[in-house]
Amino acid sequence: MNKSLEYNTQRAHLKLREYGRNVQNLVAHLRVITDQEERNKKAATLVELMKLINPDLGNDIETDQKVWDDLHIISNFELDIEGPFPKPDPSVLDRKPERLKYYSNEIKFRHYGRSVELLIDQAIAMEDAKEKEGAIVAIGRLMKSFFQTWNKESIEDEQILKNIKKMSKDQLDIDIETVKELGLFDSDKKPSGRRNNNNNNKGRRNNQGGKGRRNTNQGGRSNNRRRN
């Protein structure tokens, strides 16, 4: 019984591991089929089986072509069949994936990210002065929140504005005293005290009304006394 045992080290090398050894054995069987038409039918059936084994491949034309190409790869490009796609060239195995393109320019302030730089470029292109000022305020708030997210210490508004000017090459600027007075770069800034004043006014009106009612009541009591 030990002589009948077969180890993986003694078997043929797997061309594509994702399909397994059984598929590779079936591909080898296709090569010994002499009838061309039967070989084509069996190859089409085997392709459908390979797609079932790897359902994550999807179901479109590109997937079909990939599986047919894999069939030829498993057969060492020696399988003589007529498929829906041309037989791939063996050089496809030597092709390397294209390298991803990265931005060549470095980010000036990494803790702000490239998105802030893009926003600054958009703000520079604005023609309306009010819109540009609003964009500067929005960028300042965003930069301050980013800084506070990654750093425990706080950052002054002057430094935020200094960074904006540096990143925009002095094309963006805003009055720093106005920024500090109104807290324009603070995203958690509470609204101004206008609502409090309105509430005080309401309280005053209510108090005045209360006084008027008391005076009326007092007047009514005095009238009653007179009548009595």
C-alpha atoms as a PDB file:
ATOM      1  CA  MET A   1       0.000   0.000   0.000  1.00  0.00           C
ATOM      2  CA  ASN A   2       2.893   2.369   0.616  1.00  0.00           C
ATOM      3  CA  LYS A   3       3.931   2.001  -3.011  1.00  0.00           C
ATOM      4  CA  SER A   4       0.508   3.288  -4.150  1.00  0.00           C
ATOM      5  CA  LEU A   5       0.778   6.484  -2.137  1.00  0.00           C
ATOM      6  CA  GLU A   6       1.388   9.630  -4.182  1.00  0.00           C
ATOM      7  CA  TYR A   7       2.752  12.809  -2.669  1.00  0.00           C
ATOM      8  CA  ASN A   8       2.331  16.336  -4.012  1.00  0.00           C
ATOM      9  CA  THR A   9       6.090  16.575  -4.469  1.00  0.00           C
ATOM     10  CA  GLN A  10       5.857  13.713  -6.964  1.00  0.00           C
ATOM     11  CA  ARG A  11       2.974  15.244  -8.919  1.00  0.00           C
ATOM     12  CA  ALA A  12       3.144  17.708 -11.772  1.00  0.00           C
ATOM     13  CA  HIS A  13       3.470  21.358 -10.835  1.00  0.00           C
ATOM     14  CA  LEU A  14       0.152  23.198 -10.568  1.00  0.00           C
ATOM     15  CA  LYS A  15      -0.052  25.926 -13.174  1.00  0.00           C
ATOM     16  CA  LEU A  16      -2.903  27.835 -11.530  1.00  0.00           C
ATOM     17  CA  ARG A  17      -3.588  26.872  -7.938  1.00  0.00           C
ATOM     18  CA  GLU A  18      -6.975  28.587  -7.777  1.00  0.00           C
ATOM     19  CA  TYR A  19      -8.488  25.880 -10.008  1.00  0.00           C
ATOM     20  CA  GLY A  20      -6.944  22.884  -8.263  1.00  0.00           C
ATOM     21  CA  ARG A  21      -5.386  19.660  -9.496  1.00  0.00           C
ATOM     22  CA  ASN A  22      -8.609  18.085 -10.754  1.00  0.00           C
ATOM     23  CA  VAL A  23      -9.083  20.851 -13.325  1.00  0.00           C
ATOM     24  CA  GLN A  24      -5.478  20.435 -14.413  1.00  0.00           C
ATOM     25  CA  ASN A  25      -6.055  16.692 -14.866  1.00  0.00           C
ATOM     26  CA  LEU A  26      -9.158  17.392 -16.948  1.00  0.00           C
ATOM     27  CA  VAL A  27      -7.176  19.788 -19.141  1.00  0.00           C
ATOM     28  CA  ALA A  28      -4.585  17.044 -19.662  1.00  0.00           C
ATOM     29  CA  HIS A  29      -7.428  14.720 -20.673  1.00  0.00           C
ATOM     30  CA  LEU A  30      -8.619  17.230 -23.290  1.00  0.00           C
ATOM     31  CA  ARG A  31      -5.274  16.966 -25.011  1.00  0.00           C
ATOM     32  CA  VAL A  32      -5.744  13.251 -25.695  1.00  0.00           C
ATOM     33  CA  ILE A  33      -9.185  13.651 -27.278  1.00  0.00           C
ATOM     34  CA  THR A  34      -8.672  13.207 -31.010  1.00  0.00           C
ATOM     35  CA  ASP A  35     -12.032  14.437 -32.242  1.00  0.00           C
ATOM     36  CA  GLN A  36     -11.864  18.220 -32.738  1.00  0.00           C
ATOM     37  CA  GLU A  37     -15.569  18.870 -32.263  1.00  0.00           C
ATOM     38  CA  GLU A  38     -15.772  16.786 -29.108  1.00  0.00           C
ATOM     39  CA  ARG A  39     -12.647  18.469 -27.755  1.00  0.00           C
ATOM     40  CA  ASN A  40     -14.190  21.903 -28.312  1.00  0.00           C
ATOM     41  CA  LYS A  41     -17.400  20.896 -26.488  1.00  0.00           C
ATOM     42  CA  LYS A  42     -15.508  19.411 -23.564  1.00  0.00           C
ATOM     43  CA  ALA A  43     -13.355  22.541 -23.357  1.00  0.00           C
ATOM     44  CA  ALA A  44     -16.449  24.787 -23.199  1.00  0.00           C
ATOM     45  CA  THR A  45     -17.906  22.589 -20.431  1.00  0.00           C
ATOM     46  CA  LEU A  46     -14.634  22.732 -18.521  1.00  0.00           C
ATOM     47  CA  VAL A  47     -14.591  26.533 -18.760  1.00  0.00           C
ATOM     48  CA  GLU A  48     -18.034  26.679 -17.153  1.00  0.00           C
ATOM     49  CA  LEU A  49     -16.773  24.385 -14.391  1.00  0.00           C
ATOM     50  CA  MET A  50     -13.781  26.660 -13.819  1.00  0.00           C
ATOM     51  CA  LYS A  51     -16.131  29.632 -13.474  1.00  0.00           C
ATOM     52  CA  LEU A  52     -18.192  27.740 -10.878  1.00  0.00           C
ATOM     53  CA  ILE A  53     -15.059  26.971  -8.888  1.00  0.00           C
ATOM     54  CA  ASN A  54     -14.257  30.712  -8.738  1.00  0.00           C
ATOM     55  CA  PRO A  55     -17.633  32.519  -8.533  1.00  0.00           C
ATOM     56  CA  ASP A  56     -15.935  35.736  -7.440  1.00  0.00           C
ATOM     57  CA  LEU A  57     -14.650  36.249 -10.980  1.00  0.00           C
ATOM     58  CA  GLY A  58     -18.025  37.599 -12.064  1.00  0.00           C
ATOM     59  CA  ASN A  59     -19.966  36.973 -15.230  1.00  0.00           C
ATOM     60  CA  ASP A  60     -19.037  39.202 -18.131  1.00  0.00           C
ATOM     61  CA  ILE A  61     -17.037  39.101 -21.354  1.00  0.00           C
ATOM     62  CA  GLU A  62     -13.747  39.953 -19.653  1.00  0.00           C
ATOM     63  CA  THR A  63     -14.246  37.120 -17.176  1.00  0.00           C
ATOM     64  CA  ASP A  64     -15.024  34.644 -19.971  1.00  0.00           C
ATOM     65  CA  GLN A  65     -11.881  35.616 -21.835  1.00  0.00           C
ATOM     66  CA  LYS A  66      -9.781  35.332 -18.664  1.00  0.00           C
ATOM     67  CA  VAL A  67     -11.031  31.797 -17.965  1.00  0.00           C
ATOM     68  CA  TRP A  68     -10.388  30.709 -21.557  1.00  0.00           C
ATOM     69  CA  ASP A  69      -6.889  32.170 -21.295  1.00  0.00           C
ATOM     70  CA  ASP A  70      -6.384  30.286 -18.030  1.00  0.00           C
ATOM     71  CA  LEU A  71      -7.391  27.100 -19.799  1.00  0.00           C
ATOM     72  CA  HIS A  72      -4.594  27.621 -22.341  1.00  0.00           C
ATOM     73  CA  ILE A  73      -2.125  28.511 -19.576  1.00  0.00           C
ATOM     74  CA  ILE A  74      -2.883  25.278 -17.715  1.00  0.00           C
ATOM     75  CA  SER A  75      -2.272  23.320 -20.927  1.00  0.00           C
ATOM     76  CA  ASN A  76       1.085  25.059 -21.508  1.00  0.00           C
ATOM     77  CA  PHE A  77      -0.504  26.676 -24.586  1.00  0.00           C
ATOM     78  CA  GLU A  78      -0.538  23.245 -26.262  1.00  0.00           C
ATOM     79  CA  LEU A  79      -4.312  22.732 -26.335  1.00  0.00           C
ATOM     80  CA  ASP A  80      -5.740  22.743 -29.859  1.00  0.00           C
ATOM     81  CA  ILE A  81      -9.282  24.056 -29.490  1.00  0.00           C
ATOM     82  CA  GLU A  82     -11.556  26.568 -31.173  1.00  0.00           C
ATOM     83  CA  GLY A  83     -12.857  28.924 -28.525  1.00  0.00           C
ATOM     84  CA  PRO A  84     -14.724  32.241 -28.616  1.00  0.00           C
ATOM     85  CA  PHE A  85     -11.457  34.104 -28.007  1.00  0.00           C
ATOM     86  CA  PRO A  86      -8.082  33.902 -29.748  1.00  0.00           C
ATOM     87  CA  LYS A  87      -5.376  31.821 -28.142  1.00  0.00           C
ATOM     88  CA  PRO A  88      -3.184  34.030 -25.924  1.00  0.00           C
ATOM     89  CA  ASP A  89       0.513  34.423 -26.516  1.00  0.00           C
ATOM     90  CA  PRO A  90       2.795  32.730 -23.950  1.00  0.00           C
ATOM     91  CA  SER A  91       4.415  36.118 -23.328  1.00  0.00           C
ATOM     92  CA  VAL A  92       1.394  37.094 -21.176  1.00  0.00           C
ATOM     93  CA  LEU A  93       3.021  35.192 -18.325  1.00  0.00           C
ATOM     94  CA  ASP A  94       6.001  37.545 -18.401  1.00  0.00           C
ATOM     95  CA  ARG A  95       3.955  40.733 -18.348  1.00  0.00           C
ATOM     96  CA  LYS A  96       4.158  42.838 -15.206  1.00  0.00           C
ATOM     97  CA  PRO A  97       1.270  44.960 -13.941  1.00  0.00           C
ATOM     98  CA  GLU A  98       1.470  48.648 -14.676  1.00  0.00           C
ATOM     99  CA  ARG A  99       2.809  50.738 -11.839  1.00  0.00           C
ATOM    100  CA  LEU A 100       0.371  53.028 -10.112  1.00  0.00           C
ATOM    101  CA  LYS A 101       0.908  56.698 -10.763  1.00  0.00           C
ATOM    102  CA  TYR A 102       1.543  58.834  -7.710  1.00  0.00           C
ATOM    103  CA  TYR A 103       1.778  62.584  -7.347  1.00  0.00           C
ATOM    104  CA  SER A 104       5.359  63.627  -7.850  1.00  0.00           C
ATOM    105  CA  ASN A 105       5.086  66.787  -5.777  1.00  0.00           C
ATOM    106  CA  GLU A 106       5.355  66.503  -2.012  1.00  0.00           C
ATOM    107  CA  ILE A 107       2.713  67.661   0.437  1.00  0.00           C
ATOM    108  CA  LYS A 108       3.910  70.745   2.295  1.00  0.00           C
ATOM    109  CA  PHE A 109       1.908  70.030   5.452  1.00  0.00           C
ATOM    110  CA  ARG A 110       1.170  66.321   5.760  1.00  0.00           C
ATOM    111  CA  HIS A 111      -1.158  66.709   8.749  1.00  0.00           C
ATOM    112  CA  TYR A 112      -3.478  68.813   6.584  1.00  0.00           C
ATOM    113  CA  GLY A 113      -3.440  66.422   3.624  1.00  0.00           C
ATOM    114  CA  ARG A 114      -3.670  67.030  -0.104  1.00  0.00           C
ATOM    115  CA  SER A 115      -7.376  67.839   0.034  1.00  0.00           C
ATOM    116  CA  VAL A 116      -6.627  71.127   1.802  1.00  0.00           C
ATOM    117  CA  GLU A 117      -4.141  72.039  -0.923  1.00  0.00           C
ATOM    118  CA  LEU A 118      -6.815  71.385  -3.546  1.00  0.00           C
ATOM    119  CA  LEU A 119      -9.279  73.584  -1.645  1.00  0.00           C
ATOM    120  CA  ILE A 120      -6.702  76.356  -1.497  1.00  0.00           C
ATOM    121  CA  ASP A 121      -6.193  76.136  -5.268  1.00  0.00           C
ATOM    122  CA  GLN A 122      -9.945  76.435  -5.753  1.00  0.00           C
ATOM    123  CA  ALA A 123     -10.112  79.432  -3.420  1.00  0.00           C
ATOM    124  CA  ILE A 124      -7.330  81.165  -5.330  1.00  0.00           C
ATOM    125  CA  ALA A 125      -9.311  80.788  -8.559  1.00  0.00           C
ATOM    126  CA  MET A 126     -12.395  82.522  -7.065  1.00  0.00           C
ATOM    127  CA  GLU A 127     -13.055  86.014  -8.394  1.00  0.00           C
ATOM    128  CA  ASP A 128     -15.715  87.203  -5.951  1.00  0.00           C
ATOM    129  CA  ALA A 129     -14.096  88.709  -2.857  1.00  0.00           C
ATOM    130  CA  LYS A 130     -16.827  87.593  -0.441  1.00  0.00           C
ATOM    131  CA  GLU A 131     -16.783  84.029  -1.746  1.00  0.00           C
ATOM    132  CA  LYS A 132     -13.002  83.957  -1.453  1.00  0.00           C
ATOM    133  CA  GLU A 133     -13.159  85.236   2.121  1.00  0.00           C
ATOM    134  CA  GLY A 134     -15.774  82.608   2.980  1.00  0.00           C
ATOM    135  CA  ALA A 135     -13.544  79.944   1.440  1.00  0.00           C
ATOM    136  CA  ILE A 136     -10.596  81.102   3.559  1.00  0.00           C
ATOM    137  CA  VAL A 137     -12.716  80.852   6.713  1.00  0.00           C
ATOM    138  CA  ALA A 138     -13.886  77.343   5.772  1.00  0.00           C
ATOM    139  CA  ILE A 139     -10.332  76.238   5.014  1.00  0.00           C
ATOM    140  CA  GLY A 140      -9.081  77.723   8.283  1.00  0.00           C
ATOM    141  CA  ARG A 141     -11.711  75.851  10.283  1.00  0.00           C
ATOM    142  CA  LEU A 142     -10.886  72.613   8.493  1.00  0.00           C
ATOM    143  CA  MET A 143      -7.152  73.025   9.043  1.00  0.00           C
ATOM    144  CA  LYS A 144      -7.642  73.807  12.731  1.00  0.00           C
ATOM    145  CA  SER A 145      -9.843  70.740  13.216  1.00  0.00           C
ATOM    146  CA  PHE A 146      -7.277  68.554  11.422  1.00  0.00           C
ATOM    147  CA  PHE A 147      -4.478  69.890  13.585  1.00  0.00           C
ATOM    148  CA  GLN A 148      -6.418  69.331  16.806  1.00  0.00           C
ATOM    149  CA  THR A 149      -7.255  65.796  15.720  1.00  0.00           C
ATOM    150  CA  TRP A 150      -3.616  64.771  15.392  1.00  0.00           C
ATOM    151  CA  ASN A 151      -2.061  66.993  18.062  1.00  0.00           C
ATOM    152  CA  LYS A 152      -2.866  67.380  21.731  1.00  0.00           C
ATOM    153  CA  GLU A 153      -1.782  71.003  21.908  1.00  0.00           C
ATOM    154  CA  SER A 154      -3.812  73.806  20.382  1.00  0.00           C
ATOM    155  CA  ILE A 155      -2.762  76.037  17.508  1.00  0.00           C
ATOM    156  CA  GLU A 156      -3.163  79.791  17.260  1.00  0.00           C
ATOM    157  CA  ASP A 157      -5.215  81.448  14.546  1.00  0.00           C
ATOM    158  CA  GLU A 158      -2.126  83.402  13.467  1.00  0.00           C
ATOM    159  CA  GLN A 159      -0.334  80.139  12.679  1.00  0.00           C
ATOM    160  CA  ILE A 160      -3.303  78.804  10.716  1.00  0.00           C
ATOM    161  CA  LEU A 161      -3.414  81.968   8.619  1.00  0.00           C
ATOM    162  CA  LYS A 162       0.359  81.848   8.185  1.00  0.00           C
ATOM    163  CA  ASN A 163       0.073  78.304   6.802  1.00  0.00           C
ATOM    164  CA  ILE A 164      -2.720  79.350   4.460  1.00  0.00           C
ATOM    165  CA  LYS A 165      -0.630  82.193   3.099  1.00  0.00           C
ATOM    166  CA  LYS A 166       2.373  79.923   2.659  1.00  0.00           C
ATOM    167  CA  MET A 167       0.394  77.210   0.887  1.00  0.00           C
ATOM    168  CA  SER A 168      -1.275  79.780  -1.373  1.00  0.00           C
ATOM    169  CA  LYS A 169       1.976  81.654  -2.007  1.00  0.00           C
ATOM    170  CA  ASP A 170       0.520  84.800  -0.366  1.00  0.00           C
ATOM    171  CA  GLN A 171      -2.520  84.777  -2.651  1.00  0.00           C
ATOM    172  CA  LEU A 172      -5.004  84.216   0.189  1.00  0.00           C
ATOM    173  CA  ASP A 173      -5.252  86.511   3.210  1.00  0.00           C
ATOM    174  CA  ILE A 174      -7.820  87.711   5.742  1.00  0.00           C
ATOM    175  CA  ASP A 175      -7.841  90.183   8.640  1.00  0.00           C
ATOM    176  CA  ILE A 176      -6.530  88.205  11.590  1.00  0.00           C
ATOM    177  CA  GLU A 177      -8.082  90.536  14.176  1.00  0.00           C
ATOM    178  CA  THR A 178     -11.542  89.871  12.729  1.00  0.00           C
ATOM    179  CA  VAL A 179     -10.826  86.150  12.760  1.00  0.00           C
ATOM    180  CA  LYS A 180      -9.834  86.212  16.427  1.00  0.00           C
ATOM    181  CA  GLU A 181     -12.644  88.529  17.518  1.00  0.00           C
ATOM    182  CA  LEU A 182     -15.406  86.472  15.880  1.00  0.00           C
ATOM    183  CA  GLY A 183     -13.702  83.094  16.264  1.00  0.00           C
ATOM    184  CA  LEU A 184     -14.031  82.385  12.552  1.00  0.00           C
ATOM    185  CA  PHE A 185     -11.564  79.481  12.608  1.00  0.00           C
ATOM    186  CA  ASP A 186     -13.329  77.776  15.545  1.00  0.00           C
ATOM    187  CA  SER A 187     -15.798  75.164  14.342  1.00  0.00           C
ATOM    188  CA  ASP A 188     -17.334  74.875  17.823  1.00  0.00           C
ATOM    189  CA  LYS A 189     -17.835  78.634  18.231  1.00  0.00           C
ATOM    190  CA  LYS A 190     -21.179  79.443  19.868  1.00  0.00           C
ATOM    191  CA  PRO A 191     -23.539  81.906  18.199  1.00  0.00           C
ATOM    192  CA  SER A 192     -23.329  85.574  19.060  1.00  0.00           C
ATOM    193  CA  GLY A 193     -25.306  87.083  21.960  1.00  0.00           C
ATOM    194  CA  ARG A 194     -28.131  88.421  19.820  1.00  0.00           C
ATOM    195  CA  ARG A 195     -30.437  85.636  20.920  1.00  0.00           C
ATOM    196  CA  ASN A 196     -29.644  86.376  24.580  1.00  0.00           C
ATOM    197  CA  ASN A 197     -30.547  90.016  24.054  1.00  0.00           C
ATOM    198  CA  ASN A 198     -33.823  88.997  22.505  1.00  0.00           C
ATOM    199  CA  ASN A 199     -34.539  86.756  25.471  1.00  0.00           C
ATOM    200  CA  ASN A 200     -33.744  89.617  27.845  1.00  0.00           C
ATOM    201  CA  ASN A 201     -36.068  91.904  25.939  1.00  0.00           C
ATOM    202  CA  LYS A 202     -38.795  89.297  26.185  1.00  0.00           C
ATOM    203  CA  GLY A 203     -38.191  89.065  29.913  1.00  0.00           C
ATOM    204  CA  ARG A 204     -38.406  92.796  30.267  1.00  0.00           C
ATOM    205  CA  ARG A 205     -41.688  92.887  28.380  1.00  0.00           C
ATOM    206  CA  ASN A 206     -43.068  90.119  30.556  1.00  0.00           C
ATOM    207  CA  ASN A 207     -41.993  91.945  33.707  1.00  0.00           C
ATOM    208  CA  GLN A 208     -43.545  95.157  32.513  1.00  0.00           C
ATOM    209  CA  GLY A 209     -46.739  93.338  31.728  1.00  0.00           C
ATOM    210  CA  GLY A 210     -46.714  91.812  35.190  1.00  0.00           C
ATOM    211  CA  LYS A 211     -46.316  95.186  36.764  1.00  0.00           C
ATOM    212  CA  GLY A 212     -49.219  96.528  34.768  1.00  0.00           C
ATOM    213  CA  ARG A 213     -51.411  93.682  35.961  1.00  0.00           C
ATOM    214  CA  ARG A 214     -50.510  94.297  39.568  1.00  0.00           C
ATOM    215  CA  ASN A 215     -51.285  97.992  39.187  1.00  0.00           C
ATOM    216  CA  THR A 216     -54.647  97.136  37.681  1.00  0.00           C
ATOM    217  CA  ASN A 217     -55.441  94.770  40.496  1.00  0.00           C
ATOM    218  CA  GLN A 218     -54.427  97.330  43.040  1.00  0.00           C
ATOM    219  CA  GLY A 219     -56.588  99.875  41.308  1.00  0.00           C
ATOM    220  CA  GLY A 220     -59.482  97.460  41.370  1.00  0.00           C
ATOM    221  CA  ARG A 221     -59.075  96.888  45.055  1.00  0.00           C
ATOM    222  CA  SER A 222     -59.044 100.642  45.792  1.00  0.00           C
ATOM    223  CA  ASN A 223     -62.189 101.091  43.739  1.00  0.00           C
ATOM    224  CA  ASN A 224     -63.871  98.345  45.690  1.00  0.00           C
ATOM    225  CA  ARG A 225     -62.910 100.012  48.923  1.00  0.00           C
ATOM    226  CA  ARG A 226     -64.389 103.284  47.727  1.00  0.00           C
ATOM    227  CA  ARG A 227     -67.593 101.568  46.761  1.00  0.00           C
ATOM    228  CA  ASN A 228     -67.812  99.940  50.142  1.00  0.00           C
END
